[in-house]
Amino acid sequence: RDNAKNTVYLQMNNVKPEDTAVYYCAADRRISPSTTVQILNAYD
């Protein structure tokens, strides 16, 4: 992520046919600066 540009990236290397999909980004407001969120329903 680049917080100065308000942008998050996903670099995909060595892609495979099983990576075929619609890709979505999501945002979840968090107090903790170091928490990652893997649960779909947690995203706002």
All heavy atoms as atom14 arrays in JSON, in Angstrom:
{
  "sequence": "RDNAKNTVYLQMNNVKPEDTAVYYCAADRRISPSTTVQILNAYD",
  "atom14_mask": [
    [1, 1, 1, 1, 1, 1, 1, 1, 1, 1, 1, 0, 0, 0],
    [1, 1, 1, 1, 1, 1, 1, 1, 0, 0, 0, 0, 0, 0],
    [1, 1, 1, 1, 1, 1, 1, 1, 0, 0, 0, 0, 0, 0],
    [1, 1, 1, 1, 1, 0, 0, 0, 0, 0, 0, 0, 0, 0],
    [1, 1, 1, 1, 1, 1, 1, 1, 1, 0, 0, 0, 0, 0],
    [1, 1, 1, 1, 1, 1, 1, 1, 0, 0, 0, 0, 0, 0],
    [1, 1, 1, 1, 1, 1, 1, 0, 0, 0, 0, 0, 0, 0],
    [1, 1, 1, 1, 1, 1, 1, 0, 0, 0, 0, 0, 0, 0],
    [1, 1, 1, 1, 1, 1, 1, 1, 1, 1, 1, 1, 0, 0],
    [1, 1, 1, 1, 1, 1, 1, 1, 0, 0, 0, 0, 0, 0],
    [1, 1, 1, 1, 1, 1, 1, 1, 1, 0, 0, 0, 0, 0],
    [1, 1, 1, 1, 1, 1, 1, 1, 0, 0, 0, 0, 0, 0],
    [1, 1, 1, 1, 1, 1, 1, 1, 0, 0, 0, 0, 0, 0],
    [1, 1, 1, 1, 1, 1, 1, 1, 0, 0, 0, 0, 0, 0],
    [1, 1, 1, 1, 1, 1, 1, 0, 0, 0, 0, 0, 0, 0],
    [1, 1, 1, 1, 1, 1, 1, 1, 1, 0, 0, 0, 0, 0],
    [1, 1, 1, 1, 1, 1, 1, 0, 0, 0, 0, 0, 0, 0],
    [1, 1, 1, 1, 1, 1, 1, 1, 1, 0, 0, 0, 0, 0],
    [1, 1, 1, 1, 1, 1, 1, 1, 0, 0, 0, 0, 0, 0],
    [1, 1, 1, 1, 1, 1, 1, 0, 0, 0, 0, 0, 0, 0],
    [1, 1, 1, 1, 1, 0, 0, 0, 0, 0, 0, 0, 0, 0],
    [1, 1, 1, 1, 1, 1, 1, 0, 0, 0, 0, 0, 0, 0],
    [1, 1, 1, 1, 1, 1, 1, 1, 1, 1, 1, 1, 0, 0],
    [1, 1, 1, 1, 1, 1, 1, 1, 1, 1, 1, 1, 0, 0],
    [1, 1, 1, 1, 1, 1, 0, 0, 0, 0, 0, 0, 0, 0],
    [1, 1, 1, 1, 1, 0, 0, 0, 0, 0, 0, 0, 0, 0],
    [1, 1, 1, 1, 1, 0, 0, 0, 0, 0, 0, 0, 0, 0],
    [1, 1, 1, 1, 1, 1, 1, 1, 0, 0, 0, 0, 0, 0],
    [1, 1, 1, 1, 1, 1, 1, 1, 1, 1, 1, 0, 0, 0],
    [1, 1, 1, 1, 1, 1, 1, 1, 1, 1, 1, 0, 0, 0],
    [1, 1, 1, 1, 1, 1, 1, 1, 0, 0, 0, 0, 0, 0],
    [1, 1, 1, 1, 1, 1, 0, 0, 0, 0, 0, 0, 0, 0],
    [1, 1, 1, 1, 1, 1, 1, 0, 0, 0, 0, 0, 0, 0],
    [1, 1, 1, 1, 1, 1, 0, 0, 0, 0, 0, 0, 0, 0],
    [1, 1, 1, 1, 1, 1, 1, 0, 0, 0, 0, 0, 0, 0],
    [1, 1, 1, 1, 1, 1, 1, 0, 0, 0, 0, 0, 0, 0],
    [1, 1, 1, 1, 1, 1, 1, 0, 0, 0, 0, 0, 0, 0],
    [1, 1, 1, 1, 1, 1, 1, 1, 1, 0, 0, 0, 0, 0],
    [1, 1, 1, 1, 1, 1, 1, 1, 0, 0, 0, 0, 0, 0],
    [1, 1, 1, 1, 1, 1, 1, 1, 0, 0, 0, 0, 0, 0],
    [1, 1, 1, 1, 1, 1, 1, 1, 0, 0, 0, 0, 0, 0],
    [1, 1, 1, 1, 1, 0, 0, 0, 0, 0, 0, 0, 0, 0],
    [1, 1, 1, 1, 1, 1, 1, 1, 1, 1, 1, 1, 0, 0],
    [1, 1, 1, 1, 1, 1, 1, 1, 0, 0, 0, 0, 0, 0]
  ],
  "atom14_positions": [
    [[0.85, -1.19, 0.0], [0.0, 0.0, 0.0], [0.88, 1.24, 0.0], [2.0, 1.23, 0.51], [-0.95, 0.01, 1.19], [-0.3, 0.14, 2.55], [-1.33, -0.08, 3.67], [-2.35, 0.97, 3.68], [-3.53, 0.83, 4.29], [-3.83, -0.3, 4.91], [-4.4, 1.84, 4.28], [0.0, 0.0, 0.0], [0.0, 0.0, 0.0], [0.0, 0.0, 0.0]],
    [[0.32, 2.3, -0.55], [0.96, 3.61, -0.53], [-0.06, 4.56, 0.07], [-1.0, 5.0, -0.62], [1.35, 4.03, -1.96], [2.14, 5.33, -1.99], [2.02, 6.12, -1.04], [2.86, 5.55, -2.97], [0.0, 0.0, 0.0], [0.0, 0.0, 0.0], [0.0, 0.0, 0.0], [0.0, 0.0, 0.0], [0.0, 0.0, 0.0], [0.0, 0.0, 0.0]],
    [[0.09, 4.87, 1.33], [-0.9, 5.71, 2.01], [-0.9, 7.14, 1.48], [-1.91, 7.83, 1.57], [-0.66, 5.7, 3.51], [-1.11, 4.4, 4.16], [-1.85, 3.62, 3.56], [-0.64, 4.15, 5.37], [0.0, 0.0, 0.0], [0.0, 0.0, 0.0], [0.0, 0.0, 0.0], [0.0, 0.0, 0.0], [0.0, 0.0, 0.0], [0.0, 0.0, 0.0]],
    [[0.21, 7.58, 0.92], [0.25, 8.93, 0.34], [-0.58, 9.01, -0.94], [-1.08, 10.09, -1.29], [1.68, 9.33, 0.05], [0.0, 0.0, 0.0], [0.0, 0.0, 0.0], [0.0, 0.0, 0.0], [0.0, 0.0, 0.0], [0.0, 0.0, 0.0], [0.0, 0.0, 0.0], [0.0, 0.0, 0.0], [0.0, 0.0, 0.0], [0.0, 0.0, 0.0]],
    [[-0.74, 7.87, -1.61], [-1.51, 7.82, -2.86], [-2.88, 7.18, -2.66], [-3.61, 6.97, -3.64], [-0.74, 7.06, -3.93], [0.55, 7.73, -4.35], [1.23, 6.95, -5.47], [2.5, 7.67, -5.92], [3.19, 6.91, -7.01], [0.0, 0.0, 0.0], [0.0, 0.0, 0.0], [0.0, 0.0, 0.0], [0.0, 0.0, 0.0], [0.0, 0.0, 0.0]],
    [[-3.22, 6.82, -1.43], [-4.52, 6.18, -1.15], [-4.74, 4.95, -2.04], [-5.84, 4.73, -2.56], [-5.67, 7.16, -1.36], [-5.81, 8.16, -0.23], [-4.93, 8.27, 0.61], [-6.9, 8.91, -0.23], [0.0, 0.0, 0.0], [0.0, 0.0, 0.0], [0.0, 0.0, 0.0], [0.0, 0.0, 0.0], [0.0, 0.0, 0.0], [0.0, 0.0, 0.0]],
    [[-3.71, 4.14, -2.17], [-3.79, 3.03, -3.1], [-3.2, 1.77, -2.47], [-2.17, 1.83, -1.78], [-3.04, 3.34, -4.41], [-3.6, 4.52, -4.99], [-3.18, 2.2, -5.4], [0.0, 0.0, 0.0], [0.0, 0.0, 0.0], [0.0, 0.0, 0.0], [0.0, 0.0, 0.0], [0.0, 0.0, 0.0], [0.0, 0.0, 0.0], [0.0, 0.0, 0.0]],
    [[-3.85, 0.65, -2.73], [-3.34, -0.66, -2.35], [-3.12, -1.46, -3.63], [-3.87, -1.32, -4.6], [-4.28, -1.38, -1.37], [-5.64, -1.64, -2.0], [-3.67, -2.66, -0.86], [0.0, 0.0, 0.0], [0.0, 0.0, 0.0], [0.0, 0.0, 0.0], [0.0, 0.0, 0.0], [0.0, 0.0, 0.0], [0.0, 0.0, 0.0], [0.0, 0.0, 0.0]],
    [[-2.08, -2.28, -3.62], [-1.69, -3.03, -4.82], [-1.68, -4.52, -4.53], [-1.5, -4.95, -3.39], [-0.28, -2.61, -5.27], [-0.12, -1.14, -5.51], [0.41, -0.31, -4.53], [-0.49, -0.57, -6.73], [0.56, 1.06, -4.75], [-0.33, 0.79, -6.96], [0.19, 1.6, -5.96], [0.34, 2.95, -6.18], [0.0, 0.0, 0.0], [0.0, 0.0, 0.0]],
    [[-1.83, -5.29, -5.59], [-1.62, -6.73, -5.52], [-0.75, -7.11, -6.72], [-1.22, -7.11, -7.85], [-2.94, -7.5, -5.55], [-2.79, -9.0, -5.35], [-2.32, -9.32, -3.92], [-4.11, -9.74, -5.64], [0.0, 0.0, 0.0], [0.0, 0.0, 0.0], [0.0, 0.0, 0.0], [0.0, 0.0, 0.0], [0.0, 0.0, 0.0], [0.0, 0.0, 0.0]],
    [[0.5, -7.4, -6.43], [1.42, -7.87, -7.46], [1.26, -9.38, -7.59], [1.45, -10.1, -6.61], [2.86, -7.51, -7.1], [3.88, -8.01, -8.11], [3.78, -7.32, -9.45], [3.62, -6.11, -9.52], [3.86, -8.09, -10.53], [0.0, 0.0, 0.0], [0.0, 0.0, 0.0], [0.0, 0.0, 0.0], [0.0, 0.0, 0.0], [0.0, 0.0, 0.0]],
    [[0.92, -9.83, -8.78], [0.66, -11.24, -9.02], [1.72, -11.77, -9.97], [1.79, -11.36, -11.13], [-0.73, -11.42, -9.65], [-1.85, -10.76, -8.84], [-3.43, -10.66, -9.74], [-3.78, -12.39, -9.99], [0.0, 0.0, 0.0], [0.0, 0.0, 0.0], [0.0, 0.0, 0.0], [0.0, 0.0, 0.0], [0.0, 0.0, 0.0], [0.0, 0.0, 0.0]],
    [[2.56, -12.66, -9.48], [3.61, -13.26, -10.28], [3.36, -14.76, -10.46], [2.69, -15.37, -9.64], [4.98, -13.05, -9.64], [5.37, -11.59, -9.56], [4.97, -10.78, -10.39], [6.16, -11.25, -8.55], [0.0, 0.0, 0.0], [0.0, 0.0, 0.0], [0.0, 0.0, 0.0], [0.0, 0.0, 0.0], [0.0, 0.0, 0.0], [0.0, 0.0, 0.0]],
    [[3.92, -15.31, -11.52], [3.77, -16.74, -11.78], [2.31, -17.17, -11.67], [1.99, -18.15, -10.98], [4.65, -17.55, -10.82], [4.73, -19.01, -11.17], [4.53, -19.39, -12.33], [5.0, -19.85, -10.19], [0.0, 0.0, 0.0], [0.0, 0.0, 0.0], [0.0, 0.0, 0.0], [0.0, 0.0, 0.0], [0.0, 0.0, 0.0], [0.0, 0.0, 0.0]],
    [[1.45, -16.46, -12.34], [0.02, -16.74, -12.22], [-0.32, -18.08, -12.84], [0.37, -18.59, -13.74], [-0.82, -15.62, -12.85], [-0.63, -14.32, -12.09], [-0.49, -15.44, -14.33], [0.0, 0.0, 0.0], [0.0, 0.0, 0.0], [0.0, 0.0, 0.0], [0.0, 0.0, 0.0], [0.0, 0.0, 0.0], [0.0, 0.0, 0.0], [0.0, 0.0, 0.0]],
    [[-1.41, -18.65, -12.34], [-1.86, -19.97, -12.78], [-3.31, -19.86, -13.26], [-4.04, -18.96, -12.84], [-1.78, -20.96, -11.61], [-0.38, -21.08, -11.02], [-0.39, -22.01, -9.81], [1.01, -22.11, -9.2], [1.02, -23.03, -8.02], [0.0, 0.0, 0.0], [0.0, 0.0, 0.0], [0.0, 0.0, 0.0], [0.0, 0.0, 0.0], [0.0, 0.0, 0.0]],
    [[-3.75, -20.8, -14.08], [-5.16, -20.75, -14.53], [-6.16, -20.72, -13.37], [-7.21, -20.07, -13.48], [-5.29, -22.04, -15.35], [-3.92, -22.28, -15.88], [-2.99, -21.84, -14.78], [0.0, 0.0, 0.0], [0.0, 0.0, 0.0], [0.0, 0.0, 0.0], [0.0, 0.0, 0.0], [0.0, 0.0, 0.0], [0.0, 0.0, 0.0], [0.0, 0.0, 0.0]],
    [[-5.83, -21.34, -12.27], [-6.74, -21.33, -11.12], [-6.81, -19.98, -10.42], [-7.62, -19.8, -9.51], [-6.35, -22.43, -10.12], [-4.9, -22.43, -9.7], [-4.07, -23.42, -10.5], [-4.26, -23.51, -11.74], [-3.21, -24.08, -9.88], [0.0, 0.0, 0.0], [0.0, 0.0, 0.0], [0.0, 0.0, 0.0], [0.0, 0.0, 0.0], [0.0, 0.0, 0.0]],
    [[-5.98, -19.03, -10.83], [-6.09, -17.67, -10.3], [-7.16, -16.86, -11.04], [-7.45, -15.73, -10.65], [-4.74, -16.95, -10.43], [-3.67, -17.55, -9.56], [-3.96, -17.97, -8.42], [-2.51, -17.6, -10.02], [0.0, 0.0, 0.0], [0.0, 0.0, 0.0], [0.0, 0.0, 0.0], [0.0, 0.0, 0.0], [0.0, 0.0, 0.0], [0.0, 0.0, 0.0]],
    [[-7.73, -17.43, -12.08], [-8.77, -16.74, -12.83], [-9.97, -16.46, -11.94], [-10.52, -17.37, -11.32], [-9.2, -17.58, -14.05], [-8.1, -17.68, -14.96], [-10.4, -16.95, -14.75], [0.0, 0.0, 0.0], [0.0, 0.0, 0.0], [0.0, 0.0, 0.0], [0.0, 0.0, 0.0], [0.0, 0.0, 0.0], [0.0, 0.0, 0.0], [0.0, 0.0, 0.0]],
    [[-10.36, -15.19, -11.87], [-11.46, -14.78, -11.0], [-11.68, -13.27, -11.15], [-10.86, -12.58, -11.77], [-11.15, -15.1, -9.54], [0.0, 0.0, 0.0], [0.0, 0.0, 0.0], [0.0, 0.0, 0.0], [0.0, 0.0, 0.0], [0.0, 0.0, 0.0], [0.0, 0.0, 0.0], [0.0, 0.0, 0.0], [0.0, 0.0, 0.0], [0.0, 0.0, 0.0]],
    [[-12.75, -12.8, -10.57], [-12.93, -11.37, -10.36], [-12.28, -11.03, -9.03], [-12.57, -11.68, -8.02], [-14.41, -10.96, -10.36], [-14.54, -9.47, -10.08], [-15.07, -11.32, -11.69], [0.0, 0.0, 0.0], [0.0, 0.0, 0.0], [0.0, 0.0, 0.0], [0.0, 0.0, 0.0], [0.0, 0.0, 0.0], [0.0, 0.0, 0.0], [0.0, 0.0, 0.0]],
    [[-11.4, -10.05, -9.05], [-10.68, -9.65, -7.85], [-11.28, -8.37, -7.28], [-11.48, -7.39, -8.01], [-9.2, -9.46, -8.17], [-8.45, -10.76, -8.29], [-8.66, -11.6, -9.39], [-7.57, -11.19, -7.3], [-8.0, -12.81, -9.5], [-6.9, -12.4, -7.41], [-7.13, -13.21, -8.5], [-6.48, -14.41, -8.61], [0.0, 0.0, 0.0], [0.0, 0.0, 0.0]],
    [[-11.51, -8.4, -5.98], [-12.11, -7.28, -5.28], [-11.17, -6.77, -4.18], [-10.56, -7.58, -3.48], [-13.42, -7.7, -4.61], [-14.49, -8.2, -5.53], [-14.56, -9.56, -5.87], [-15.44, -7.34, -6.05], [-15.55, -10.03, -6.71], [-16.44, -7.81, -6.89], [-16.49, -9.15, -7.22], [-17.48, -9.61, -8.05], [0.0, 0.0, 0.0], [0.0, 0.0, 0.0]],
    [[-11.11, -5.47, -4.03], [-10.43, -4.94, -2.85], [-11.49, -4.5, -1.85], [-12.64, -4.22, -2.21], [-9.48, -3.8, -3.19], [-10.25, -2.25, -3.66], [0.0, 0.0, 0.0], [0.0, 0.0, 0.0], [0.0, 0.0, 0.0], [0.0, 0.0, 0.0], [0.0, 0.0, 0.0], [0.0, 0.0, 0.0], [0.0, 0.0, 0.0], [0.0, 0.0, 0.0]],
    [[-11.1, -4.47, -0.59], [-12.03, -4.16, 0.48], [-11.3, -3.39, 1.58], [-10.08, -3.52, 1.75], [-12.63, -5.44, 1.05], [0.0, 0.0, 0.0], [0.0, 0.0, 0.0], [0.0, 0.0, 0.0], [0.0, 0.0, 0.0], [0.0, 0.0, 0.0], [0.0, 0.0, 0.0], [0.0, 0.0, 0.0], [0.0, 0.0, 0.0], [0.0, 0.0, 0.0]],
    [[-12.08, -2.6, 2.32], [-11.52, -1.76, 3.39], [-12.25, -2.02, 4.7], [-13.49, -2.12, 4.72], [-11.65, -0.29, 3.01], [0.0, 0.0, 0.0], [0.0, 0.0, 0.0], [0.0, 0.0, 0.0], [0.0, 0.0, 0.0], [0.0, 0.0, 0.0], [0.0, 0.0, 0.0], [0.0, 0.0, 0.0], [0.0, 0.0, 0.0], [0.0, 0.0, 0.0]],
    [[-11.47, -2.1, 5.76], [-12.03, -2.34, 7.1], [-11.39, -1.35, 8.07], [-10.18, -1.37, 8.24], [-11.74, -3.78, 7.53], [-12.12, -4.02, 8.96], [-13.23, -3.61, 9.36], [-11.31, -4.6, 9.7], [0.0, 0.0, 0.0], [0.0, 0.0, 0.0], [0.0, 0.0, 0.0], [0.0, 0.0, 0.0], [0.0, 0.0, 0.0], [0.0, 0.0, 0.0]],
    [[-12.22, -0.55, 8.71], [-11.69, 0.46, 9.62], [-11.21, -0.2, 10.91], [-11.97, -0.92, 11.56], [-12.75, 1.51, 9.94], [-12.17, 2.75, 10.6], [-13.1, 3.92, 10.45], [-12.46, 5.18, 10.83], [-13.0, 6.36, 10.65], [-14.18, 6.47, 10.09], [-12.35, 7.44, 11.04], [0.0, 0.0, 0.0], [0.0, 0.0, 0.0], [0.0, 0.0, 0.0]],
    [[-9.94, 0.02, 11.23], [-9.33, -0.65, 12.36], [-8.6, 0.35, 13.26], [-7.98, 1.29, 12.77], [-8.31, -1.69, 11.87], [-8.94, -2.92, 11.26], [-9.35, -3.9, 12.32], [-10.41, -4.78, 11.87], [-10.87, -5.81, 12.57], [-10.35, -6.09, 13.75], [-11.84, -6.55, 12.09], [0.0, 0.0, 0.0], [0.0, 0.0, 0.0], [0.0, 0.0, 0.0]],
    [[-8.68, 0.1, 14.57], [-7.92, 0.92, 15.51], [-6.47, 0.49, 15.5], [-5.56, 1.3, 15.48], [-8.52, 0.82, 16.92], [-9.94, 1.4, 16.92], [-7.63, 1.52, 17.91], [-10.64, 1.26, 18.25], [0.0, 0.0, 0.0], [0.0, 0.0, 0.0], [0.0, 0.0, 0.0], [0.0, 0.0, 0.0], [0.0, 0.0, 0.0], [0.0, 0.0, 0.0]],
    [[-6.25, -0.82, 15.53], [-4.88, -1.32, 15.58], [-4.17, -1.07, 14.26], [-4.68, -1.42, 13.21], [-4.88, -2.82, 15.88], [-3.59, -3.35, 15.69], [0.0, 0.0, 0.0], [0.0, 0.0, 0.0], [0.0, 0.0, 0.0], [0.0, 0.0, 0.0], [0.0, 0.0, 0.0], [0.0, 0.0, 0.0], [0.0, 0.0, 0.0], [0.0, 0.0, 0.0]],
    [[-2.98, -0.5, 14.3], [-2.26, -0.21, 13.05], [-1.62, -1.43, 12.41], [-1.24, -1.39, 11.25], [-1.19, 0.79, 13.47], [-0.95, 0.48, 14.91], [-2.27, 0.05, 15.46], [0.0, 0.0, 0.0], [0.0, 0.0, 0.0], [0.0, 0.0, 0.0], [0.0, 0.0, 0.0], [0.0, 0.0, 0.0], [0.0, 0.0, 0.0], [0.0, 0.0, 0.0]],
    [[-1.53, -2.54, 13.15], [-0.78, -3.69, 12.66], [-1.63, -4.94, 12.45], [-1.08, -6.02, 12.28], [0.37, -4.01, 13.61], [1.26, -2.91, 13.7], [0.0, 0.0, 0.0], [0.0, 0.0, 0.0], [0.0, 0.0, 0.0], [0.0, 0.0, 0.0], [0.0, 0.0, 0.0], [0.0, 0.0, 0.0], [0.0, 0.0, 0.0], [0.0, 0.0, 0.0]],
    [[-2.93, -4.81, 12.45], [-3.82, -5.96, 12.29], [-4.17, -6.18, 10.83], [-4.5, -5.23, 10.12], [-5.11, -5.75, 13.08], [-4.8, -5.62, 14.46], [-6.07, -6.91, 12.88], [0.0, 0.0, 0.0], [0.0, 0.0, 0.0], [0.0, 0.0, 0.0], [0.0, 0.0, 0.0], [0.0, 0.0, 0.0], [0.0, 0.0, 0.0], [0.0, 0.0, 0.0]],
    [[-4.08, -7.44, 10.39], [-4.6, -7.8, 9.08], [-5.91, -8.55, 9.27], [-6.11, -9.23, 10.27], [-3.61, -8.67, 8.3], [-3.37, -9.88, 9.02], [-2.3, -7.94, 8.09], [0.0, 0.0, 0.0], [0.0, 0.0, 0.0], [0.0, 0.0, 0.0], [0.0, 0.0, 0.0], [0.0, 0.0, 0.0], [0.0, 0.0, 0.0], [0.0, 0.0, 0.0]],
    [[-6.79, -8.44, 8.3], [-8.14, -8.99, 8.42], [-8.39, -9.95, 7.28], [-8.32, -9.57, 6.11], [-9.19, -7.86, 8.41], [-10.59, -8.44, 8.61], [-8.88, -6.82, 9.48], [0.0, 0.0, 0.0], [0.0, 0.0, 0.0], [0.0, 0.0, 0.0], [0.0, 0.0, 0.0], [0.0, 0.0, 0.0], [0.0, 0.0, 0.0], [0.0, 0.0, 0.0]],
    [[-8.69, -11.21, 7.59], [-8.91, -12.22, 6.58], [-10.38, -12.6, 6.41], [-10.72, -13.34, 5.5], [-8.1, -13.48, 6.92], [-6.6, -13.23, 7.01], [-5.81, -14.5, 7.24], [-6.33, -15.6, 7.11], [-4.54, -14.35, 7.58], [0.0, 0.0, 0.0], [0.0, 0.0, 0.0], [0.0, 0.0, 0.0], [0.0, 0.0, 0.0], [0.0, 0.0, 0.0]],
    [[-11.22, -12.11, 7.3], [-12.63, -12.49, 7.3], [-13.41, -11.58, 6.39], [-13.45, -10.35, 6.58], [-13.2, -12.45, 8.73], [-12.39, -13.38, 9.64], [-14.67, -12.84, 8.73], [-12.74, -13.26, 11.1], [0.0, 0.0, 0.0], [0.0, 0.0, 0.0], [0.0, 0.0, 0.0], [0.0, 0.0, 0.0], [0.0, 0.0, 0.0], [0.0, 0.0, 0.0]],
    [[-14.09, -12.16, 5.42], [-14.84, -11.39, 4.43], [-15.85, -10.46, 5.08], [-15.95, -9.28, 4.72], [-15.52, -12.35, 3.46], [-16.28, -11.79, 2.26], [-16.2, -12.78, 1.1], [-17.72, -11.52, 2.61], [0.0, 0.0, 0.0], [0.0, 0.0, 0.0], [0.0, 0.0, 0.0], [0.0, 0.0, 0.0], [0.0, 0.0, 0.0], [0.0, 0.0, 0.0]],
    [[-16.61, -10.97, 6.02], [-17.7, -10.19, 6.61], [-17.23, -9.05, 7.5], [-18.03, -8.21, 7.92], [-18.63, -11.1, 7.41], [-19.43, -12.04, 6.52], [-19.63, -11.76, 5.34], [-19.88, -13.15, 7.08], [0.0, 0.0, 0.0], [0.0, 0.0, 0.0], [0.0, 0.0, 0.0], [0.0, 0.0, 0.0], [0.0, 0.0, 0.0], [0.0, 0.0, 0.0]],
    [[-15.95, -9.0, 7.8], [-15.42, -7.92, 8.63], [-15.24, -6.63, 7.84], [-15.13, -5.55, 8.43], [-14.09, -8.33, 9.25], [0.0, 0.0, 0.0], [0.0, 0.0, 0.0], [0.0, 0.0, 0.0], [0.0, 0.0, 0.0], [0.0, 0.0, 0.0], [0.0, 0.0, 0.0], [0.0, 0.0, 0.0], [0.0, 0.0, 0.0], [0.0, 0.0, 0.0]],
    [[-15.21, -6.73, 6.54], [-14.93, -5.57, 5.71], [-16.16, -4.71, 5.49], [-17.26, -5.21, 5.27], [-14.33, -6.0, 4.38], [-12.88, -6.39, 4.51], [-12.51, -7.68, 4.87], [-11.87, -5.45, 4.3], [-11.17, -8.02, 5.01], [-10.53, -5.8, 4.43], [-10.2, -7.08, 4.79], [-8.87, -7.42, 4.94], [0.0, 0.0, 0.0], [0.0, 0.0, 0.0]],
    [[-15.94, -3.4, 5.54], [-17.05, -2.46, 5.46], [-17.33, -1.98, 4.04], [-18.48, -1.68, 3.7], [-16.73, -1.22, 6.33], [-16.44, -1.6, 7.77], [-17.27, -2.29, 8.37], [-15.36, -1.21, 8.26], [0.0, 0.0, 0.0], [0.0, 0.0, 0.0], [0.0, 0.0, 0.0], [0.0, 0.0, 0.0], [0.0, 0.0, 0.0], [0.0, 0.0, 0.0]]
  ]
}
